[in-house]
Amino acid sequence: MTTRVGLTLWSGKIVLSMRKDSWTSAENEPFDVVAMKLAFEVSVAIRQSYFLVLVRMGRISIPMLEWQEEAARRAGLYAIRHSRSLNSDQRFGWGYDGIVIGTTAGSAIKALGFERLYQRERDVYLRLSQHGVEEILGFAVPQLLGFDDEFWCIEMEIVSPPFVLDFAGAYLDQRPDYPDDVMEEWQDEKLEQFGEER
């Protein structure tokens, strides 16, 4: 049996389908309750994504979180130390990992929110740079222009889509510290999303 839950969004409707015969709930909640909770979570996620698109298009302005303000401050200090000027019209993004601000020199400075994320991302960019990687499977990889261990900042060139540039969650030369079953589930999910060729 398949239950359909309708979501009404600003841009139209989406129907979420869930199969009741393959469902189990850890909290022993009725299937319909779980389906409605999931529908709500999906709706919120989609609305947040749409909201971020509007923010990035400049149609909505929102205040930064405290750690994002701190990251922006460090990006400014990086710019001063490395003779750059931030371009306030080029705020390329902000999220869990950090913020990205353009410079008047045509580069982008990514200020990471957490040191361990900065170290991972820096190390991946250094490895890619050592091997001269400019593209991965048709996706542009920004070239590393500089970094600063004190300010947790990475300066990179600006590339056009499609691109891959978020490496803060990447691990080099070691497996992530997750249980085997979690890693297997994640790998299965990625294979389903992207296929085996990628």
N, C-alpha and C. Protein backbone atom coordinates (compact mmCIF):
# COMPACT_ATOMS: atom_id res chain seq x y z
N MET A 1 0.83 -1.18 0.00
CA MET A 1 0.00 0.00 0.00
C MET A 1 0.88 1.24 0.00
N THR A 2 0.54 2.23 -0.81
CA THR A 2 1.30 3.47 -0.88
C THR A 2 0.42 4.61 -0.38
N THR A 3 0.97 5.39 0.54
CA THR A 3 0.27 6.57 1.04
C THR A 3 0.85 7.78 0.34
N ARG A 4 -0.02 8.65 -0.13
CA ARG A 4 0.44 9.87 -0.78
C ARG A 4 0.14 11.06 0.13
N VAL A 5 1.15 11.88 0.31
CA VAL A 5 1.01 13.06 1.15
C VAL A 5 1.28 14.27 0.28
N GLY A 6 0.35 15.19 0.21
CA GLY A 6 0.52 16.36 -0.64
C GLY A 6 1.19 17.51 0.10
N LEU A 7 2.10 18.18 -0.57
CA LEU A 7 2.78 19.35 -0.03
C LEU A 7 2.48 20.52 -0.95
N THR A 8 2.01 21.60 -0.43
CA THR A 8 1.78 22.79 -1.24
C THR A 8 2.89 23.78 -0.96
N LEU A 9 3.63 24.12 -1.98
CA LEU A 9 4.74 25.06 -1.86
C LEU A 9 4.41 26.31 -2.65
N TRP A 10 5.28 27.31 -2.54
CA TRP A 10 5.06 28.55 -3.26
C TRP A 10 5.03 28.31 -4.77
N SER A 11 5.83 27.38 -5.22
CA SER A 11 5.97 27.17 -6.66
C SER A 11 5.03 26.11 -7.21
N GLY A 12 4.18 25.52 -6.40
CA GLY A 12 3.28 24.50 -6.89
C GLY A 12 3.09 23.40 -5.87
N LYS A 13 2.75 22.20 -6.35
CA LYS A 13 2.51 21.08 -5.44
C LYS A 13 3.51 19.97 -5.71
N ILE A 14 3.81 19.26 -4.65
CA ILE A 14 4.65 18.07 -4.74
C ILE A 14 3.92 16.96 -4.01
N VAL A 15 3.95 15.77 -4.56
CA VAL A 15 3.34 14.63 -3.90
C VAL A 15 4.44 13.69 -3.45
N LEU A 16 4.46 13.41 -2.16
CA LEU A 16 5.44 12.50 -1.57
C LEU A 16 4.77 11.15 -1.39
N SER A 17 5.36 10.10 -1.94
CA SER A 17 4.79 8.76 -1.82
C SER A 17 5.63 7.91 -0.88
N MET A 18 4.96 7.20 0.01
CA MET A 18 5.64 6.30 0.94
C MET A 18 4.93 4.95 0.92
N ARG A 19 5.70 3.88 0.93
CA ARG A 19 5.11 2.54 0.94
C ARG A 19 4.93 2.07 2.37
N LYS A 20 3.69 1.76 2.71
CA LYS A 20 3.38 1.35 4.08
C LYS A 20 3.91 -0.05 4.38
N ASP A 21 3.92 -0.94 3.39
CA ASP A 21 4.31 -2.32 3.65
C ASP A 21 5.79 -2.49 3.96
N SER A 22 6.61 -1.49 3.66
CA SER A 22 8.03 -1.62 3.94
C SER A 22 8.48 -0.68 5.06
N TRP A 23 7.51 -0.18 5.84
CA TRP A 23 7.82 0.84 6.84
C TRP A 23 7.88 0.25 8.25
N THR A 24 8.89 0.66 9.00
CA THR A 24 8.92 0.37 10.43
C THR A 24 9.31 1.66 11.14
N SER A 25 8.75 1.89 12.30
CA SER A 25 9.03 3.10 13.06
C SER A 25 9.63 2.72 14.40
N ALA A 26 10.78 3.33 14.72
CA ALA A 26 11.44 3.04 15.99
C ALA A 26 10.58 3.47 17.17
N GLU A 27 9.76 4.49 16.99
CA GLU A 27 8.92 5.00 18.07
C GLU A 27 7.54 4.35 18.08
N ASN A 28 7.31 3.39 17.20
CA ASN A 28 6.01 2.71 17.06
C ASN A 28 4.87 3.70 16.82
N GLU A 29 5.17 4.76 16.12
CA GLU A 29 4.13 5.71 15.76
C GLU A 29 3.33 5.16 14.58
N PRO A 30 2.05 5.52 14.48
CA PRO A 30 1.27 5.08 13.33
C PRO A 30 1.91 5.60 12.03
N PHE A 31 1.77 4.80 11.00
CA PHE A 31 2.38 5.14 9.71
C PHE A 31 1.95 6.52 9.22
N ASP A 32 0.67 6.83 9.34
CA ASP A 32 0.16 8.11 8.84
C ASP A 32 0.77 9.29 9.58
N VAL A 33 1.03 9.12 10.87
CA VAL A 33 1.66 10.19 11.65
C VAL A 33 3.09 10.41 11.17
N VAL A 34 3.81 9.32 10.96
CA VAL A 34 5.19 9.42 10.48
C VAL A 34 5.21 10.03 9.09
N ALA A 35 4.28 9.64 8.23
CA ALA A 35 4.21 10.19 6.88
C ALA A 35 3.99 11.70 6.91
N MET A 36 3.11 12.16 7.79
CA MET A 36 2.85 13.59 7.88
C MET A 36 4.06 14.34 8.44
N LYS A 37 4.75 13.75 9.41
CA LYS A 37 5.96 14.39 9.95
C LYS A 37 7.02 14.51 8.85
N LEU A 38 7.20 13.43 8.08
CA LEU A 38 8.17 13.45 7.00
C LEU A 38 7.79 14.51 5.96
N ALA A 39 6.50 14.56 5.63
CA ALA A 39 6.04 15.56 4.66
C ALA A 39 6.35 16.97 5.15
N PHE A 40 6.14 17.20 6.44
CA PHE A 40 6.44 18.52 7.00
C PHE A 40 7.93 18.83 6.90
N GLU A 41 8.79 17.84 7.25
CA GLU A 41 10.22 18.06 7.18
C GLU A 41 10.68 18.34 5.76
N VAL A 42 10.13 17.60 4.79
CA VAL A 42 10.48 17.83 3.38
C VAL A 42 10.04 19.23 2.97
N SER A 43 8.84 19.61 3.37
CA SER A 43 8.32 20.94 3.04
C SER A 43 9.22 22.03 3.60
N VAL A 44 9.63 21.88 4.85
CA VAL A 44 10.51 22.88 5.47
C VAL A 44 11.84 22.94 4.73
N ALA A 45 12.41 21.77 4.39
CA ALA A 45 13.70 21.75 3.69
C ALA A 45 13.60 22.43 2.33
N ILE A 46 12.51 22.16 1.61
CA ILE A 46 12.35 22.78 0.29
C ILE A 46 12.14 24.28 0.43
N ARG A 47 11.34 24.69 1.39
CA ARG A 47 11.12 26.13 1.59
C ARG A 47 12.41 26.83 1.99
N GLN A 48 13.23 26.17 2.83
CA GLN A 48 14.51 26.77 3.21
C GLN A 48 15.41 26.91 1.99
N SER A 49 15.43 25.89 1.12
CA SER A 49 16.24 25.96 -0.09
C SER A 49 15.78 27.11 -0.98
N TYR A 50 14.46 27.23 -1.15
CA TYR A 50 13.90 28.30 -1.95
C TYR A 50 14.24 29.65 -1.33
N PHE A 51 14.17 29.73 0.00
CA PHE A 51 14.51 30.95 0.72
C PHE A 51 15.96 31.33 0.46
N LEU A 52 16.86 30.34 0.51
CA LEU A 52 18.28 30.63 0.27
C LEU A 52 18.52 31.10 -1.15
N VAL A 53 17.77 30.56 -2.12
CA VAL A 53 17.89 31.04 -3.50
C VAL A 53 17.51 32.51 -3.56
N LEU A 54 16.41 32.89 -2.90
CA LEU A 54 16.00 34.29 -2.89
C LEU A 54 17.04 35.17 -2.21
N VAL A 55 17.66 34.66 -1.14
CA VAL A 55 18.70 35.41 -0.46
C VAL A 55 19.88 35.61 -1.39
N ARG A 56 20.31 34.54 -2.06
CA ARG A 56 21.46 34.63 -2.95
C ARG A 56 21.18 35.52 -4.15
N MET A 57 19.91 35.62 -4.56
CA MET A 57 19.55 36.51 -5.67
C MET A 57 19.45 37.96 -5.19
N GLY A 58 19.57 38.18 -3.89
CA GLY A 58 19.49 39.52 -3.36
C GLY A 58 18.08 40.02 -3.13
N ARG A 59 17.08 39.14 -3.22
CA ARG A 59 15.70 39.57 -3.03
C ARG A 59 15.31 39.62 -1.55
N ILE A 60 16.07 38.90 -0.71
CA ILE A 60 15.81 38.90 0.73
C ILE A 60 17.14 39.11 1.42
N SER A 61 17.15 39.89 2.46
CA SER A 61 18.36 40.11 3.24
C SER A 61 18.11 39.57 4.65
N ILE A 62 19.04 38.75 5.13
CA ILE A 62 18.89 38.22 6.49
C ILE A 62 20.17 38.47 7.27
N PRO A 63 20.07 38.61 8.57
CA PRO A 63 21.27 38.82 9.38
C PRO A 63 22.07 37.52 9.49
N MET A 64 23.37 37.68 9.64
CA MET A 64 24.23 36.52 9.81
C MET A 64 24.13 36.00 11.24
N LEU A 65 24.41 34.71 11.39
CA LEU A 65 24.54 34.14 12.72
C LEU A 65 25.85 34.63 13.33
N GLU A 66 25.98 34.48 14.63
CA GLU A 66 27.16 34.98 15.33
C GLU A 66 28.45 34.38 14.77
N TRP A 67 28.47 33.05 14.53
CA TRP A 67 29.70 32.45 14.03
C TRP A 67 29.97 32.88 12.60
N GLN A 68 28.91 33.19 11.83
CA GLN A 68 29.11 33.68 10.46
C GLN A 68 29.70 35.08 10.48
N GLU A 69 29.27 35.90 11.44
CA GLU A 69 29.86 37.23 11.59
C GLU A 69 31.34 37.11 11.93
N GLU A 70 31.66 36.15 12.80
CA GLU A 70 33.06 35.91 13.15
C GLU A 70 33.86 35.46 11.93
N ALA A 71 33.28 34.58 11.13
CA ALA A 71 33.95 34.12 9.90
C ALA A 71 34.15 35.29 8.94
N ALA A 72 33.15 36.16 8.81
CA ALA A 72 33.28 37.33 7.94
C ALA A 72 34.38 38.26 8.45
N ARG A 73 34.48 38.40 9.76
CA ARG A 73 35.55 39.22 10.35
C ARG A 73 36.93 38.65 10.00
N ARG A 74 37.04 37.32 10.10
CA ARG A 74 38.32 36.68 9.76
C ARG A 74 38.62 36.80 8.28
N ALA A 75 37.59 36.73 7.42
CA ALA A 75 37.80 36.93 5.98
C ALA A 75 38.35 38.33 5.72
N GLY A 76 37.82 39.33 6.47
CA GLY A 76 38.33 40.68 6.34
C GLY A 76 39.79 40.80 6.78
N LEU A 77 40.15 40.11 7.87
CA LEU A 77 41.53 40.12 8.34
C LEU A 77 42.46 39.43 7.34
N TYR A 78 41.97 38.32 6.74
CA TYR A 78 42.74 37.66 5.69
C TYR A 78 42.99 38.63 4.55
N ALA A 79 41.93 39.33 4.13
CA ALA A 79 42.04 40.26 3.01
C ALA A 79 43.09 41.34 3.30
N ILE A 80 43.07 41.88 4.51
CA ILE A 80 44.06 42.91 4.88
C ILE A 80 45.47 42.34 4.85
N ARG A 81 45.64 41.17 5.48
CA ARG A 81 46.97 40.56 5.55
C ARG A 81 47.52 40.23 4.17
N HIS A 82 46.65 39.87 3.23
CA HIS A 82 47.11 39.42 1.91
C HIS A 82 46.82 40.44 0.80
N SER A 83 46.66 41.70 1.21
CA SER A 83 46.47 42.82 0.26
C SER A 83 45.31 42.59 -0.70
N ARG A 84 44.18 42.21 -0.16
CA ARG A 84 42.96 42.03 -0.94
C ARG A 84 41.91 42.98 -0.40
N SER A 85 40.91 43.25 -1.23
CA SER A 85 39.74 44.01 -0.79
C SER A 85 38.51 43.16 -1.03
N LEU A 86 37.67 43.04 0.00
CA LEU A 86 36.45 42.26 -0.16
C LEU A 86 35.45 43.02 -1.01
N ASN A 87 34.73 42.29 -1.84
CA ASN A 87 33.68 42.87 -2.67
C ASN A 87 32.35 42.54 -2.02
N SER A 88 31.75 43.50 -1.33
CA SER A 88 30.53 43.24 -0.57
C SER A 88 29.36 42.82 -1.46
N ASP A 89 29.44 43.07 -2.77
CA ASP A 89 28.39 42.65 -3.69
C ASP A 89 28.51 41.18 -4.06
N GLN A 90 29.62 40.55 -3.69
CA GLN A 90 29.85 39.15 -4.06
C GLN A 90 29.91 38.27 -2.82
N ARG A 91 28.77 38.08 -2.18
CA ARG A 91 28.66 37.10 -1.10
C ARG A 91 28.13 35.84 -1.76
N PHE A 92 29.02 34.92 -2.07
CA PHE A 92 28.65 33.74 -2.83
C PHE A 92 27.86 32.73 -2.03
N GLY A 93 28.03 32.73 -0.74
CA GLY A 93 27.27 31.76 0.03
C GLY A 93 27.72 31.70 1.47
N TRP A 94 26.87 31.09 2.26
CA TRP A 94 27.18 30.83 3.65
C TRP A 94 26.32 29.64 4.06
N GLY A 95 26.86 28.87 4.95
CA GLY A 95 26.14 27.68 5.39
C GLY A 95 26.82 27.09 6.61
N TYR A 96 26.71 25.78 6.73
CA TYR A 96 27.26 25.11 7.91
C TYR A 96 28.79 25.22 7.94
N ASP A 97 29.43 25.08 6.77
CA ASP A 97 30.89 25.05 6.73
C ASP A 97 31.53 26.42 6.91
N GLY A 98 30.95 27.43 6.30
CA GLY A 98 31.56 28.75 6.35
C GLY A 98 30.87 29.71 5.42
N ILE A 99 31.56 30.81 5.14
CA ILE A 99 31.02 31.81 4.24
C ILE A 99 32.02 32.03 3.10
N VAL A 100 31.52 32.48 1.95
CA VAL A 100 32.37 32.74 0.80
C VAL A 100 32.07 34.15 0.30
N ILE A 101 33.13 34.97 0.24
CA ILE A 101 32.99 36.37 -0.19
C ILE A 101 33.98 36.62 -1.32
N GLY A 102 33.53 37.31 -2.35
CA GLY A 102 34.41 37.65 -3.46
C GLY A 102 35.34 38.80 -3.11
N THR A 103 36.42 38.92 -3.88
CA THR A 103 37.36 40.03 -3.71
C THR A 103 37.37 40.87 -4.98
N THR A 104 37.90 42.08 -4.87
CA THR A 104 38.01 42.94 -6.05
C THR A 104 39.10 42.43 -7.00
N ALA A 105 39.90 41.45 -6.54
CA ALA A 105 40.94 40.85 -7.39
C ALA A 105 40.38 39.71 -8.24
N GLY A 106 39.07 39.44 -8.11
CA GLY A 106 38.47 38.37 -8.91
C GLY A 106 38.62 36.99 -8.31
N SER A 107 38.94 36.92 -7.03
CA SER A 107 39.03 35.64 -6.34
C SER A 107 37.92 35.57 -5.30
N ALA A 108 37.86 34.45 -4.59
CA ALA A 108 36.88 34.27 -3.52
C ALA A 108 37.62 33.81 -2.28
N ILE A 109 37.19 34.33 -1.13
CA ILE A 109 37.76 33.92 0.15
C ILE A 109 36.69 33.14 0.90
N LYS A 110 37.03 31.90 1.27
CA LYS A 110 36.13 31.09 2.07
C LYS A 110 36.68 31.06 3.48
N ALA A 111 35.89 31.59 4.41
CA ALA A 111 36.26 31.57 5.82
C ALA A 111 35.44 30.46 6.49
N LEU A 112 36.13 29.46 7.00
CA LEU A 112 35.46 28.32 7.60
C LEU A 112 35.04 28.61 9.03
N GLY A 113 33.95 28.00 9.44
CA GLY A 113 33.40 28.23 10.76
C GLY A 113 34.08 27.45 11.87
N PHE A 114 34.77 26.37 11.51
CA PHE A 114 35.38 25.51 12.52
C PHE A 114 36.76 25.09 12.04
N GLU A 115 37.72 25.04 12.94
CA GLU A 115 39.10 24.76 12.56
C GLU A 115 39.27 23.41 11.87
N ARG A 116 38.61 22.36 12.40
CA ARG A 116 38.79 21.04 11.79
C ARG A 116 38.27 21.02 10.36
N LEU A 117 37.17 21.75 10.09
CA LEU A 117 36.65 21.84 8.73
C LEU A 117 37.61 22.60 7.83
N TYR A 118 38.18 23.67 8.37
CA TYR A 118 39.19 24.43 7.62
C TYR A 118 40.37 23.53 7.25
N GLN A 119 40.87 22.76 8.21
CA GLN A 119 42.04 21.92 7.96
C GLN A 119 41.76 20.87 6.89
N ARG A 120 40.57 20.27 6.96
CA ARG A 120 40.20 19.27 5.95
C ARG A 120 40.13 19.91 4.56
N GLU A 121 39.43 21.04 4.48
CA GLU A 121 39.28 21.68 3.17
C GLU A 121 40.62 22.16 2.64
N ARG A 122 41.43 22.77 3.48
CA ARG A 122 42.76 23.22 3.07
C ARG A 122 43.59 22.07 2.54
N ASP A 123 43.58 20.94 3.26
CA ASP A 123 44.37 19.79 2.85
C ASP A 123 43.91 19.22 1.52
N VAL A 124 42.62 19.20 1.27
CA VAL A 124 42.12 18.71 -0.02
C VAL A 124 42.57 19.65 -1.14
N TYR A 125 42.43 20.95 -0.93
CA TYR A 125 42.88 21.90 -1.96
C TYR A 125 44.38 21.79 -2.21
N LEU A 126 45.16 21.58 -1.15
CA LEU A 126 46.60 21.40 -1.33
C LEU A 126 46.89 20.15 -2.15
N ARG A 127 46.20 19.06 -1.86
CA ARG A 127 46.41 17.81 -2.61
C ARG A 127 46.02 17.99 -4.07
N LEU A 128 44.87 18.61 -4.31
CA LEU A 128 44.43 18.84 -5.69
C LEU A 128 45.42 19.73 -6.42
N SER A 129 45.94 20.73 -5.74
CA SER A 129 46.91 21.64 -6.33
C SER A 129 48.21 20.91 -6.66
N GLN A 130 48.67 20.05 -5.75
CA GLN A 130 49.90 19.29 -5.98
C GLN A 130 49.80 18.43 -7.23
N HIS A 131 48.61 17.94 -7.52
CA HIS A 131 48.41 17.07 -8.68
C HIS A 131 47.87 17.81 -9.90
N GLY A 132 47.75 19.13 -9.80
CA GLY A 132 47.30 19.93 -10.93
C GLY A 132 45.87 19.65 -11.37
N VAL A 133 45.01 19.26 -10.45
CA VAL A 133 43.63 18.94 -10.78
C VAL A 133 42.83 20.23 -11.01
N GLU A 134 42.26 20.35 -12.20
CA GLU A 134 41.43 21.52 -12.52
C GLU A 134 39.98 21.14 -12.79
N GLU A 135 39.75 19.83 -12.94
CA GLU A 135 38.42 19.35 -13.28
C GLU A 135 38.26 17.91 -12.80
N ILE A 136 37.06 17.58 -12.33
CA ILE A 136 36.74 16.22 -11.93
C ILE A 136 35.44 15.83 -12.62
N LEU A 137 35.52 14.87 -13.54
CA LEU A 137 34.35 14.38 -14.26
C LEU A 137 33.50 15.51 -14.85
N GLY A 138 34.16 16.51 -15.42
CA GLY A 138 33.44 17.62 -16.04
C GLY A 138 33.08 18.75 -15.10
N PHE A 139 33.40 18.63 -13.81
CA PHE A 139 33.11 19.67 -12.83
C PHE A 139 34.39 20.47 -12.57
N ALA A 140 34.30 21.77 -12.72
CA ALA A 140 35.46 22.63 -12.49
C ALA A 140 35.85 22.61 -11.02
N VAL A 141 37.16 22.62 -10.77
CA VAL A 141 37.70 22.70 -9.41
C VAL A 141 38.45 24.02 -9.30
N PRO A 142 38.05 24.90 -8.40
CA PRO A 142 38.77 26.18 -8.26
C PRO A 142 40.22 25.94 -7.85
N GLN A 143 41.10 26.75 -8.39
CA GLN A 143 42.51 26.63 -8.03
C GLN A 143 42.77 27.37 -6.73
N LEU A 144 43.59 26.76 -5.90
CA LEU A 144 43.97 27.35 -4.62
C LEU A 144 44.90 28.52 -4.86
N LEU A 145 44.56 29.68 -4.32
CA LEU A 145 45.39 30.88 -4.47
C LEU A 145 46.12 31.24 -3.19
N GLY A 146 45.60 30.80 -2.06
CA GLY A 146 46.24 31.09 -0.79
C GLY A 146 45.40 30.56 0.36
N PHE A 147 46.00 30.54 1.55
CA PHE A 147 45.29 30.10 2.74
C PHE A 147 45.98 30.69 3.96
N ASP A 148 45.27 30.70 5.07
CA ASP A 148 45.81 31.28 6.29
C ASP A 148 45.34 30.45 7.48
N ASP A 149 46.28 29.78 8.13
CA ASP A 149 45.95 28.90 9.25
C ASP A 149 45.45 29.65 10.48
N GLU A 150 45.82 30.91 10.63
CA GLU A 150 45.36 31.68 11.78
C GLU A 150 43.90 32.10 11.61
N PHE A 151 43.53 32.50 10.39
CA PHE A 151 42.18 33.01 10.14
C PHE A 151 41.23 31.97 9.57
N TRP A 152 41.70 30.73 9.37
CA TRP A 152 40.89 29.63 8.82
C TRP A 152 40.27 30.04 7.49
N CYS A 153 41.07 30.65 6.64
CA CYS A 153 40.58 31.13 5.34
C CYS A 153 41.31 30.46 4.19
N ILE A 154 40.58 30.24 3.12
CA ILE A 154 41.12 29.69 1.88
C ILE A 154 40.72 30.66 0.77
N GLU A 155 41.71 31.05 -0.04
CA GLU A 155 41.42 31.90 -1.20
C GLU A 155 41.50 31.03 -2.44
N MET A 156 40.50 31.16 -3.28
CA MET A 156 40.43 30.33 -4.48
C MET A 156 39.95 31.16 -5.67
N GLU A 157 40.21 30.63 -6.85
CA GLU A 157 39.70 31.31 -8.03
C GLU A 157 38.19 31.09 -8.13
N ILE A 158 37.53 31.97 -8.84
CA ILE A 158 36.10 31.84 -9.07
C ILE A 158 35.90 31.04 -10.35
N VAL A 159 35.06 30.01 -10.29
CA VAL A 159 34.79 29.18 -11.45
C VAL A 159 33.31 29.22 -11.81
N SER A 160 33.01 28.81 -13.03
CA SER A 160 31.62 28.77 -13.49
C SER A 160 31.06 27.37 -13.32
N PRO A 161 29.75 27.24 -13.10
CA PRO A 161 29.14 25.92 -12.97
C PRO A 161 29.28 25.13 -14.27
N PRO A 162 29.28 23.83 -14.17
CA PRO A 162 29.21 23.03 -12.94
C PRO A 162 30.57 23.01 -12.24
N PHE A 163 30.54 23.00 -10.93
CA PHE A 163 31.79 22.99 -10.18
C PHE A 163 31.63 22.17 -8.91
N VAL A 164 32.77 21.81 -8.35
CA VAL A 164 32.81 21.14 -7.05
C VAL A 164 33.81 21.92 -6.22
N LEU A 165 33.38 22.38 -5.04
CA LEU A 165 34.29 23.21 -4.26
C LEU A 165 34.16 23.07 -2.76
N ASP A 166 33.25 22.29 -2.28
CA ASP A 166 33.10 22.11 -0.83
C ASP A 166 33.75 20.81 -0.39
N PHE A 167 34.89 20.94 0.28
CA PHE A 167 35.64 19.76 0.69
C PHE A 167 35.82 19.67 2.20
N ALA A 168 35.10 20.48 2.95
CA ALA A 168 35.27 20.50 4.41
C ALA A 168 34.89 19.17 5.04
N GLY A 169 34.01 18.42 4.40
CA GLY A 169 33.60 17.12 4.93
C GLY A 169 34.41 15.97 4.38
N ALA A 170 35.44 16.27 3.58
CA ALA A 170 36.25 15.22 2.96
C ALA A 170 37.35 14.75 3.92
N TYR A 171 37.73 13.50 3.77
CA TYR A 171 38.81 12.92 4.57
C TYR A 171 39.89 12.44 3.61
N LEU A 172 41.13 12.78 3.89
CA LEU A 172 42.25 12.32 3.07
C LEU A 172 43.00 11.22 3.80
N ASP A 173 43.30 10.16 3.07
CA ASP A 173 44.16 9.08 3.57
C ASP A 173 43.62 8.37 4.80
N GLN A 174 42.35 8.51 5.08
CA GLN A 174 41.73 7.79 6.19
C GLN A 174 40.23 7.74 5.97
N ARG A 175 39.61 6.74 6.54
CA ARG A 175 38.15 6.66 6.48
C ARG A 175 37.54 7.56 7.54
N PRO A 176 36.37 8.10 7.26
CA PRO A 176 35.69 8.86 8.32
C PRO A 176 35.43 7.97 9.52
N ASP A 177 35.36 8.57 10.68
CA ASP A 177 35.19 7.83 11.92
C ASP A 177 33.71 7.54 12.17
N TYR A 178 33.13 6.72 11.28
CA TYR A 178 31.73 6.32 11.41
C TYR A 178 31.66 4.80 11.45
N PRO A 179 30.66 4.23 12.10
CA PRO A 179 30.51 2.77 12.11
C PRO A 179 30.33 2.24 10.68
N ASP A 180 30.74 1.00 10.46
CA ASP A 180 30.68 0.39 9.12
C ASP A 180 29.28 0.42 8.53
N ASP A 181 28.25 0.15 9.35
CA ASP A 181 26.89 0.12 8.81
C ASP A 181 26.44 1.50 8.34
N VAL A 182 26.89 2.55 9.02
CA VAL A 182 26.55 3.91 8.61
C VAL A 182 27.23 4.23 7.27
N MET A 183 28.49 3.83 7.11
CA MET A 183 29.22 4.07 5.86
C MET A 183 28.59 3.29 4.71
N GLU A 184 28.20 2.04 4.96
CA GLU A 184 27.57 1.24 3.91
C GLU A 184 26.25 1.86 3.46
N GLU A 185 25.46 2.32 4.42
CA GLU A 185 24.18 2.97 4.09
C GLU A 185 24.42 4.24 3.27
N TRP A 186 25.43 5.02 3.66
CA TRP A 186 25.75 6.25 2.93
C TRP A 186 26.20 5.92 1.50
N GLN A 187 27.06 4.91 1.36
CA GLN A 187 27.54 4.54 0.03
C GLN A 187 26.39 4.04 -0.84
N ASP A 188 25.50 3.24 -0.29
CA ASP A 188 24.33 2.77 -1.04
C ASP A 188 23.47 3.94 -1.49
N GLU A 189 23.28 4.90 -0.59
CA GLU A 189 22.48 6.09 -0.91
C GLU A 189 23.10 6.88 -2.06
N LYS A 190 24.44 7.03 -2.04
CA LYS A 190 25.12 7.77 -3.11
C LYS A 190 25.08 7.02 -4.42
N LEU A 191 25.20 5.69 -4.37
CA LEU A 191 25.10 4.91 -5.59
C LEU A 191 23.72 5.05 -6.21
N GLU A 192 22.70 5.07 -5.36
CA GLU A 192 21.33 5.24 -5.85
C GLU A 192 21.14 6.63 -6.44
N GLN A 193 21.72 7.63 -5.81
CA GLN A 193 21.57 9.01 -6.28
C GLN A 193 22.34 9.27 -7.58
N PHE A 194 23.57 8.78 -7.65
CA PHE A 194 24.46 9.17 -8.74
C PHE A 194 24.86 8.04 -9.67
N GLY A 195 24.55 6.81 -9.34
CA GLY A 195 24.94 5.68 -10.19
C GLY A 195 26.36 5.24 -9.92
N GLU A 196 26.71 4.11 -10.50
CA GLU A 196 28.03 3.53 -10.25
C GLU A 196 29.14 4.20 -11.01
N GLU A 197 28.84 4.89 -12.11
CA GLU A 197 29.88 5.47 -12.95
C GLU A 197 30.56 6.66 -12.28
N ARG A 198 29.92 7.27 -11.33
CA ARG A 198 30.51 8.44 -10.69
C ARG A 198 31.22 7.99 -9.47
